PDB file of N, CA and C in Angstrom:
ATOM      1  N   MET A   1     109.590 103.847  83.706  1.00  0.00           N
ATOM      2  CA  MET A   1     109.427 102.498  83.213  1.00  0.00           C
ATOM      3  C   MET A   1     109.313 101.504  84.372  1.00  0.00           C
ATOM      4  N   LYS A   2     110.195 101.686  85.378  1.00  0.00           N
ATOM      5  CA  LYS A   2     110.160 100.767  86.515  1.00  0.00           C
ATOM      6  C   LYS A   2     108.885 100.933  87.330  1.00  0.00           C
ATOM      7  N   THR A   3     108.390 102.176  87.426  1.00  0.00           N
ATOM      8  CA  THR A   3     107.153 102.373  88.185  1.00  0.00           C
ATOM      9  C   THR A   3     105.979 101.699  87.490  1.00  0.00           C
ATOM     10  N   ASN A   4     105.963 101.703  86.163  1.00  0.00           N
ATOM     11  CA  ASN A   4     104.901 101.002  85.445  1.00  0.00           C
ATOM     12  C   ASN A   4     104.961  99.508  85.719  1.00  0.00           C
ATOM     13  N   TYR A   5     106.178  98.949  85.717  1.00  0.00           N
ATOM     14  CA  TYR A   5     106.338  97.530  85.993  1.00  0.00           C
ATOM     15  C   TYR A   5     105.869  97.198  87.407  1.00  0.00           C
ATOM     16  N   ASN A   6     106.219  98.054  88.371  1.00  0.00           N
ATOM     17  CA  ASN A   6     105.798  97.819  89.755  1.00  0.00           C
ATOM     18  C   ASN A   6     104.287  97.887  89.895  1.00  0.00           C
ATOM     19  N   LYS A   7     103.660  98.856  89.206  1.00  0.00           N
ATOM     20  CA  LYS A   7     102.196  98.963  89.259  1.00  0.00           C
ATOM     21  C   LYS A   7     101.538  97.747  88.628  1.00  0.00           C
ATOM     22  N   GLU A   8     102.049  97.329  87.468  1.00  0.00           N
ATOM     23  CA  GLU A   8     101.484  96.158  86.794  1.00  0.00           C
ATOM     24  C   GLU A   8     101.689  94.896  87.621  1.00  0.00           C
ATOM     25  N   ARG A   9     102.864  94.773  88.240  1.00  0.00           N
ATOM     26  CA  ARG A   9     103.117  93.611  89.084  1.00  0.00           C
ATOM     27  C   ARG A   9     102.162  93.590  90.277  1.00  0.00           C
ATOM     28  N   GLY A  10     101.939  94.754  90.884  1.00  0.00           N
ATOM     29  CA  GLY A  10     100.988  94.828  91.991  1.00  0.00           C
ATOM     30  C   GLY A  10      99.580  94.459  91.559  1.00  0.00           C
ATOM     31  N   GLN A  11      99.191  94.900  90.373  1.00  0.00           N
ATOM     32  CA  GLN A  11      97.864  94.560  89.860  1.00  0.00           C
ATOM     33  C   GLN A  11      97.758  93.061  89.589  1.00  0.00           C
ATOM     34  N   VAL A  12      98.797  92.469  89.036  1.00  0.00           N
ATOM     35  CA  VAL A  12      98.785  91.025  88.772  1.00  0.00           C
ATOM     36  C   VAL A  12      98.723  90.254  90.083  1.00  0.00           C
ATOM     37  N   ILE A  13      99.437  90.712  91.096  1.00  0.00           N
ATOM     38  CA  ILE A  13      99.405  90.038  92.399  1.00  0.00           C
ATOM     39  C   ILE A  13      97.992  90.088  92.986  1.00  0.00           C
ATOM     40  N   ARG A  14      97.342  91.253  92.896  1.00  0.00           N
ATOM     41  CA  ARG A  14      95.965  91.363  93.412  1.00  0.00           C
ATOM     42  C   ARG A  14      95.006  90.460  92.638  1.00  0.00           C
ATOM     43  N   GLU A  15      95.157  90.406  91.309  1.00  0.00           N
ATOM     44  CA  GLU A  15      94.297  89.540  90.506  1.00  0.00           C
ATOM     45  C   GLU A  15      94.537  88.071  90.822  1.00  0.00           C
ATOM     46  N   LEU A  16      95.796  87.708  91.051  1.00  0.00           N
ATOM     47  CA  LEU A  16      96.096  86.326  91.424  1.00  0.00           C
ATOM     48  C   LEU A  16      95.521  85.991  92.791  1.00  0.00           C
ATOM     49  N   ASN A  17      95.540  86.939  93.721  1.00  0.00           N
ATOM     50  CA  ASN A  17      94.913  86.709  95.028  1.00  0.00           C
ATOM     51  C   ASN A  17      93.423  86.439  94.866  1.00  0.00           C
ATOM     52  N   ASP A  18      92.754  87.230  94.021  1.00  0.00           N
ATOM     53  CA  ASP A  18      91.327  87.006  93.773  1.00  0.00           C
ATOM     54  C   ASP A  18      91.084  85.645  93.132  1.00  0.00           C
ATOM     55  N   LYS A  19      91.965  85.278  92.185  1.00  0.00           N
ATOM     56  CA  LYS A  19      91.832  83.982  91.518  1.00  0.00           C
ATOM     57  C   LYS A  19      92.035  82.842  92.510  1.00  0.00           C
ATOM     58  N   LEU A  20      92.990  82.994  93.413  1.00  0.00           N
ATOM     59  CA  LEU A  20      93.247  81.957  94.415  1.00  0.00           C
ATOM     60  C   LEU A  20      92.060  81.798  95.368  1.00  0.00           C
ATOM     61  N   ILE A  21      91.423  82.896  95.712  1.00  0.00           N
ATOM     62  CA  ILE A  21      90.234  82.825  96.567  1.00  0.00           C
ATOM     63  C   ILE A  21      89.123  82.073  95.854  1.00  0.00           C
ATOM     64  N   PHE A  22      88.906  82.410  94.583  1.00  0.00           N
ATOM     65  CA  PHE A  22      87.876  81.718  93.800  1.00  0.00           C
ATOM     66  C   PHE A  22      88.191  80.224  93.675  1.00  0.00           C
ATOM     67  N   LEU A  23      89.446  79.899  93.379  1.00  0.00           N
ATOM     68  CA  LEU A  23      89.818  78.493  93.225  1.00  0.00           C
ATOM     69  C   LEU A  23      89.696  77.721  94.534  1.00  0.00           C
ATOM     70  N   THR A  24      89.976  78.372  95.648  1.00  0.00           N
ATOM     71  CA  THR A  24      89.815  77.719  96.948  1.00  0.00           C
ATOM     72  C   THR A  24      88.362  77.345  97.187  1.00  0.00           C
ATOM     73  N   GLN A  25      87.458  78.266  96.869  1.00  0.00           N
ATOM     74  CA  GLN A  25      86.025  77.986  97.023  1.00  0.00           C
ATOM     75  C   GLN A  25      85.583  76.881  96.068  1.00  0.00           C
ATOM     76  N   ALA A  26      86.085  76.909  94.838  1.00  0.00           N
ATOM     77  CA  ALA A  26      85.732  75.874  93.868  1.00  0.00           C
ATOM     78  C   ALA A  26      86.287  74.520  94.292  1.00  0.00           C
ATOM     79  N   LEU A  27      87.472  74.501  94.872  1.00  0.00           N
ATOM     80  CA  LEU A  27      88.054  73.252  95.368  1.00  0.00           C
ATOM     81  C   LEU A  27      87.215  72.659  96.493  1.00  0.00           C
ATOM     82  N   ARG A  28      86.734  73.521  97.382  1.00  0.00           N
ATOM     83  CA  ARG A  28      85.863  73.030  98.462  1.00  0.00           C
ATOM     84  C   ARG A  28      84.590  72.417  97.897  1.00  0.00           C
ATOM     85  N   GLY A  29      84.020  73.081  96.901  1.00  0.00           N
ATOM     86  CA  GLY A  29      82.796  72.558  96.278  1.00  0.00           C
ATOM     87  C   GLY A  29      83.038  71.233  95.595  1.00  0.00           C
ATOM     88  N   ALA A  30      84.136  71.100  94.865  1.00  0.00           N
ATOM     89  CA  ALA A  30      84.446  69.842  94.183  1.00  0.00           C
ATOM     90  C   ALA A  30      84.747  68.737  95.181  1.00  0.00           C
ATOM     91  N   GLU A  31      85.350  69.093  96.307  1.00  0.00           N
ATOM     92  CA  GLU A  31      85.640  68.095  97.339  1.00  0.00           C
ATOM     93  C   GLU A  31      84.352  67.588  97.975  1.00  0.00           C
ATOM     94  N   ILE A  32      83.438  68.495  98.228  1.00  0.00           N
ATOM     95  CA  ILE A  32      82.161  68.105  98.830  1.00  0.00           C
ATOM     96  C   ILE A  32      81.363  67.215  97.882  1.00  0.00           C
ATOM     97  N   GLU A  33      81.362  67.562  96.591  1.00  0.00           N
ATOM     98  CA  GLU A  33      80.631  66.774  95.598  1.00  0.00           C
ATOM     99  C   GLU A  33      81.323  65.455  95.282  1.00  0.00           C
ATOM    100  N   GLY A  34      82.600  65.351  95.576  1.00  0.00           N
ATOM    101  CA  GLY A  34      83.335  64.129  95.305  1.00  0.00           C
ATOM    102  C   GLY A  34      83.767  63.994  93.854  1.00  0.00           C
ATOM    103  N   ASP A  35      83.821  65.092  93.124  1.00  0.00           N
ATOM    104  CA  ASP A  35      84.219  65.090  91.712  1.00  0.00           C
ATOM    105  C   ASP A  35      85.740  65.161  91.638  1.00  0.00           C
ATOM    106  N   THR A  36      86.390  63.998  91.503  1.00  0.00           N
ATOM    107  CA  THR A  36      87.847  63.955  91.557  1.00  0.00           C
ATOM    108  C   THR A  36      88.513  64.562  90.326  1.00  0.00           C
ATOM    109  N   LYS A  37      87.890  64.421  89.150  1.00  0.00           N
ATOM    110  CA  LYS A  37      88.490  64.995  87.940  1.00  0.00           C
ATOM    111  C   LYS A  37      88.497  66.520  88.012  1.00  0.00           C
ATOM    112  N   GLU A  38      87.385  67.089  88.430  1.00  0.00           N
ATOM    113  CA  GLU A  38      87.311  68.545  88.554  1.00  0.00           C
ATOM    114  C   GLU A  38      88.245  69.029  89.658  1.00  0.00           C
ATOM    115  N   TYR A  39      88.310  68.297  90.751  1.00  0.00           N
ATOM    116  CA  TYR A  39      89.182  68.668  91.859  1.00  0.00           C
ATOM    117  C   TYR A  39      90.640  68.688  91.411  1.00  0.00           C
ATOM    118  N   ARG A  40      91.050  67.653  90.676  1.00  0.00           N
ATOM    119  CA  ARG A  40      92.426  67.571  90.208  1.00  0.00           C
ATOM    120  C   ARG A  40      92.755  68.717  89.248  1.00  0.00           C
ATOM    121  N   ALA A  41      91.834  69.041  88.347  1.00  0.00           N
ATOM    122  CA  ALA A  41      92.049  70.137  87.401  1.00  0.00           C
ATOM    123  C   ALA A  41      92.124  71.480  88.137  1.00  0.00           C
ATOM    124  N   LEU A  42      91.229  71.677  89.107  1.00  0.00           N
ATOM    125  CA  LEU A  42      91.246  72.918  89.882  1.00  0.00           C
ATOM    126  C   LEU A  42      92.513  73.035  90.724  1.00  0.00           C
ATOM    127  N   LEU A  43      92.947  71.914  91.269  1.00  0.00           N
ATOM    128  CA  LEU A  43      94.152  71.925  92.089  1.00  0.00           C
ATOM    129  C   LEU A  43      95.381  72.271  91.256  1.00  0.00           C
ATOM    130  N   LYS A  44      95.444  71.769  90.027  1.00  0.00           N
ATOM    131  CA  LYS A  44      96.555  72.117  89.138  1.00  0.00           C
ATOM    132  C   LYS A  44      96.546  73.617  88.844  1.00  0.00           C
ATOM    133  N   SER A  45      95.372  74.169  88.561  1.00  0.00           N
ATOM    134  CA  SER A  45      95.269  75.612  88.308  1.00  0.00           C
ATOM    135  C   SER A  45      95.644  76.404  89.550  1.00  0.00           C
ATOM    136  N   TYR A  46      95.214  75.923  90.710  1.00  0.00           N
ATOM    137  CA  TYR A  46      95.524  76.603  91.971  1.00  0.00           C
ATOM    138  C   TYR A  46      97.028  76.622  92.210  1.00  0.00           C
ATOM    139  N   MET A  47      97.673  75.481  92.014  1.00  0.00           N
ATOM    140  CA  MET A  47      99.114  75.396  92.259  1.00  0.00           C
ATOM    141  C   MET A  47      99.897  76.296  91.296  1.00  0.00           C
ATOM    142  N   ASP A  48      99.492  76.346  90.034  1.00  0.00           N
ATOM    143  CA  ASP A  48     100.161  77.219  89.063  1.00  0.00           C
ATOM    144  C   ASP A  48     100.011  78.690  89.451  1.00  0.00           C
ATOM    145  N   ALA A  49      98.797  79.085  89.841  1.00  0.00           N
ATOM    146  CA  ALA A  49      98.548  80.475  90.228  1.00  0.00           C
ATOM    147  C   ALA A  49      99.303  80.820  91.508  1.00  0.00           C
ATOM    148  N   ALA A  50      99.336  79.902  92.465  1.00  0.00           N
ATOM    149  CA  ALA A  50     100.035  80.148  93.725  1.00  0.00           C
ATOM    150  C   ALA A  50     101.539  80.279  93.492  1.00  0.00           C
ATOM    151  N   LYS A  51     102.078  79.451  92.608  1.00  0.00           N
ATOM    152  CA  LYS A  51     103.511  79.519  92.310  1.00  0.00           C
ATOM    153  C   LYS A  51     103.865  80.863  91.677  1.00  0.00           C
ATOM    154  N   LEU A  52     103.055  81.314  90.730  1.00  0.00           N
ATOM    155  CA  LEU A  52     103.304  82.601  90.085  1.00  0.00           C
ATOM    156  C   LEU A  52     103.164  83.748  91.085  1.00  0.00           C
ATOM    157  N   GLN A  53     102.133  83.685  91.916  1.00  0.00           N
ATOM    158  CA  GLN A  53     101.905  84.734  92.903  1.00  0.00           C
ATOM    159  C   GLN A  53     103.068  84.803  93.899  1.00  0.00           C
ATOM    160  N   LEU A  54     103.536  83.663  94.356  1.00  0.00           N
ATOM    161  CA  LEU A  54     104.656  83.640  95.306  1.00  0.00           C
ATOM    162  C   LEU A  54     105.945  84.164  94.674  1.00  0.00           C
ATOM    163  N   SER A  55     106.167  83.844  93.416  1.00  0.00           N
ATOM    164  CA  SER A  55     107.379  84.345  92.765  1.00  0.00           C
ATOM    165  C   SER A  55     107.319  85.859  92.582  1.00  0.00           C
ATOM    166  N   LEU A  56     106.147  86.400  92.248  1.00  0.00           N
ATOM    167  CA  LEU A  56     106.011  87.846  92.099  1.00  0.00           C
ATOM    168  C   LEU A  56     106.154  88.563  93.437  1.00  0.00           C
ATOM    169  N   VAL A  57     105.573  88.003  94.488  1.00  0.00           N
ATOM    170  CA  VAL A  57     105.695  88.607  95.821  1.00  0.00           C
ATOM    171  C   VAL A  57     107.147  88.541  96.293  1.00  0.00           C
ATOM    172  N   SER A  58     107.806  87.429  96.030  1.00  0.00           N
ATOM    173  CA  SER A  58     109.216  87.297  96.408  1.00  0.00           C
ATOM    174  C   SER A  58     110.070  88.321  95.672  1.00  0.00           C
ATOM    175  N   GLU A  59     109.793  88.512  94.399  1.00  0.00           N
ATOM    176  CA  GLU A  59     110.520  89.513  93.612  1.00  0.00           C
ATOM    177  C   GLU A  59     110.300  90.909  94.175  1.00  0.00           C
ATOM    178  N   GLU A  60     109.049  91.201  94.527  1.00  0.00           N
ATOM    179  CA  GLU A  60     108.729  92.511  95.084  1.00  0.00           C
ATOM    180  C   GLU A  60     109.424  92.725  96.424  1.00  0.00           C
ATOM    181  N   GLN A  61     109.430  91.707  97.268  1.00  0.00           N
ATOM    182  CA  GLN A  61     110.066  91.827  98.578  1.00  0.00           C
ATOM    183  C   GLN A  61     111.572  91.959  98.467  1.00  0.00           C
ATOM    184  N   SER A  62     112.175  91.270  97.505  1.00  0.00           N
ATOM    185  CA  SER A  62     113.631  91.379  97.347  1.00  0.00           C
ATOM    186  C   SER A  62     114.027  92.772  96.864  1.00  0.00           C
ATOM    187  N   GLU A  63     113.189  93.406  96.058  1.00  0.00           N
ATOM    188  CA  GLU A  63     113.470  94.773  95.627  1.00  0.00           C
ATOM    189  C   GLU A  63     113.321  95.762  96.777  1.00  0.00           C
ATOM    190  N   ASN A  64     112.379  95.495  97.671  1.00  0.00           N
ATOM    191  CA  ASN A  64     112.128  96.396  98.786  1.00  0.00           C
ATOM    192  C   ASN A  64     113.009  96.091  99.997  1.00  0.00           C
ATOM    193  N   ALA A  65     113.818  95.062  99.922  1.00  0.00           N
ATOM    194  CA  ALA A  65     114.649  94.682 101.066  1.00  0.00           C
ATOM    195  C   ALA A  65     115.715  95.732 101.358  1.00  0.00           C
ATOM    196  N   GLY A  66     116.161  96.431 100.346  1.00  0.00           N
ATOM    197  CA  GLY A  66     117.191  97.434 100.543  1.00  0.00           C
ATOM    198  C   GLY A  66     116.666  98.731 101.134  1.00  0.00           C
ATOM    199  N   ALA A  67     115.359  98.917 101.118  1.00  0.00           N
ATOM    200  CA  ALA A  67     114.779 100.147 101.646  1.00  0.00           C
ATOM    201  C   ALA A  67     114.904 100.168 103.168  1.00  0.00           C
ATOM    202  N   VAL A  68     115.251 101.315 103.702  1.00  0.00           N
ATOM    203  CA  VAL A  68     115.422 101.461 105.147  1.00  0.00           C
ATOM    204  C   VAL A  68     114.145 102.046 105.730  1.00  0.00           C
ATOM    205  N   ASP A  69     113.618 101.363 106.717  1.00  0.00           N
ATOM    206  CA  ASP A  69     112.441 101.851 107.410  1.00  0.00           C
ATOM    207  C   ASP A  69     112.883 102.939 108.387  1.00  0.00           C
ATOM    208  N   ALA A  70     112.285 104.112 108.295  1.00  0.00           N
ATOM    209  CA  ALA A  70     112.701 105.247 109.117  1.00  0.00           C
ATOM    210  C   ALA A  70     112.519 104.966 110.605  1.00  0.00           C
ATOM    211  N   LEU A  71     111.416 104.316 110.984  1.00  0.00           N
ATOM    212  CA  LEU A  71     111.170 104.032 112.389  1.00  0.00           C
ATOM    213  C   LEU A  71     112.179 103.020 112.933  1.00  0.00           C
ATOM    214  N   THR A  72     112.475 101.992 112.170  1.00  0.00           N
ATOM    215  CA  THR A  72     113.454 101.000 112.595  1.00  0.00           C
ATOM    216  C   THR A  72     114.828 101.635 112.717  1.00  0.00           C
ATOM    217  N   ASP A  73     115.168 102.475 111.767  1.00  0.00           N
ATOM    218  CA  ASP A  73     116.460 103.156 111.816  1.00  0.00           C
ATOM    219  C   ASP A  73     116.546 104.073 113.035  1.00  0.00           C
ATOM    220  N   PHE A  74     115.456 104.742 113.363  1.00  0.00           N
ATOM    221  CA  PHE A  74     115.427 105.637 114.518  1.00  0.00           C
ATOM    222  C   PHE A  74     115.562 104.864 115.829  1.00  0.00           C
ATOM    223  N   ASN A  75     114.960 103.678 115.899  1.00  0.00           N
ATOM    224  CA  ASN A  75     114.945 102.898 117.135  1.00  0.00           C
ATOM    225  C   ASN A  75     116.180 102.020 117.330  1.00  0.00           C
ATOM    226  N   LYS A  76     117.124 102.061 116.391  1.00  0.00           N
ATOM    227  CA  LYS A  76     118.342 101.271 116.552  1.00  0.00           C
ATOM    228  C   LYS A  76     119.113 101.767 117.764  1.00  0.00           C
ATOM    229  N   PRO A  77     119.703 100.851 118.516  1.00  0.00           N
ATOM    230  CA  PRO A  77     120.496 101.293 119.671  1.00  0.00           C
ATOM    231  C   PRO A  77     121.702 102.100 119.213  1.00  0.00           C
ATOM    232  N   SER A  78     122.101 103.007 120.030  1.00  0.00           N
ATOM    233  CA  SER A  78     123.248 103.848 119.728  1.00  0.00           C
ATOM    234  C   SER A  78     124.534 103.042 119.851  1.00  0.00           C
ATOM    235  N   VAL A  79     125.523 103.408 119.072  1.00  0.00           N
ATOM    236  CA  VAL A  79     126.816 102.724 119.178  1.00  0.00           C
ATOM    237  C   VAL A  79     127.455 102.996 120.531  1.00  0.00           C
ATOM    238  N   TYR A  80     127.111 104.106 121.157  1.00  0.00           N
ATOM    239  CA  TYR A  80     127.662 104.430 122.465  1.00  0.00           C
ATOM    240  C   TYR A  80     127.114 103.521 123.555  1.00  0.00           C
ATOM    241  N   ASP A  81     125.900 102.994 123.358  1.00  0.00           N
ATOM    242  CA  ASP A  81     125.322 102.087 124.349  1.00  0.00           C
ATOM    243  C   ASP A  81     126.107 100.783 124.423  1.00  0.00           C
ATOM    244  N   THR A  82     126.675 100.343 123.313  1.00  0.00           N
ATOM    245  CA  THR A  82     127.408  99.068 123.321  1.00  0.00           C
ATOM    246  C   THR A  82     128.739  99.208 124.036  1.00  0.00           C
ATOM    247  N   ARG A  83     129.247 100.425 124.136  1.00  0.00           N
ATOM    248  CA  ARG A  83     130.525 100.642 124.810  1.00  0.00           C
ATOM    249  C   ARG A  83     130.349 100.959 126.304  1.00  0.00           C
ATOM    250  N   GLY A  84     129.118 101.081 126.726  1.00  0.00           N
ATOM    251  CA  GLY A  84     128.869 101.337 128.129  1.00  0.00           C
ATOM    252  C   GLY A  84     128.830 102.809 128.489  1.00  0.00           C
ATOM    253  N   LEU A  85     128.803 103.670 127.511  1.00  0.00           N
ATOM    254  CA  LEU A  85     128.740 105.101 127.797  1.00  0.00           C
ATOM    255  C   LEU A  85     127.273 105.518 127.894  1.00  0.00           C
ATOM    256  N   LEU A  86     127.014 106.442 128.767  1.00  0.00           N
ATOM    257  CA  LEU A  86     125.662 106.946 128.926  1.00  0.00           C
ATOM    258  C   LEU A  86     125.394 108.030 127.881  1.00  0.00           C
ATOM    259  N   VAL A  87     124.323 107.847 127.124  1.00  0.00           N
ATOM    260  CA  VAL A  87     123.960 108.812 126.103  1.00  0.00           C
ATOM    261  C   VAL A  87     122.712 109.545 126.555  1.00  0.00           C
ATOM    262  N   ILE A  88     122.820 110.844 126.623  1.00  0.00           N
ATOM    263  CA  ILE A  88     121.681 111.636 127.092  1.00  0.00           C
ATOM    264  C   ILE A  88     121.076 112.375 125.934  1.00  0.00           C
TER     265      ILE A  88
END
């Protein structure tokens, strides 16, 4: 069940990234044309999508924060190094 949620969340994050790219391009076009009503509407949609995307990414990162990276764990200094003992 949790793996399905993680897959769906990842898919939603990717779709939101695509939507944000499209909205950024549309915002540039509306800015160039000087259409303030369209710009304001696009900006509201952009902000809503960005807020949702950031909350989903934050949720994903908080779940993965407890995971230990094997390389980082391997490269941690030895407890013997802090005491001044030579470790061979």
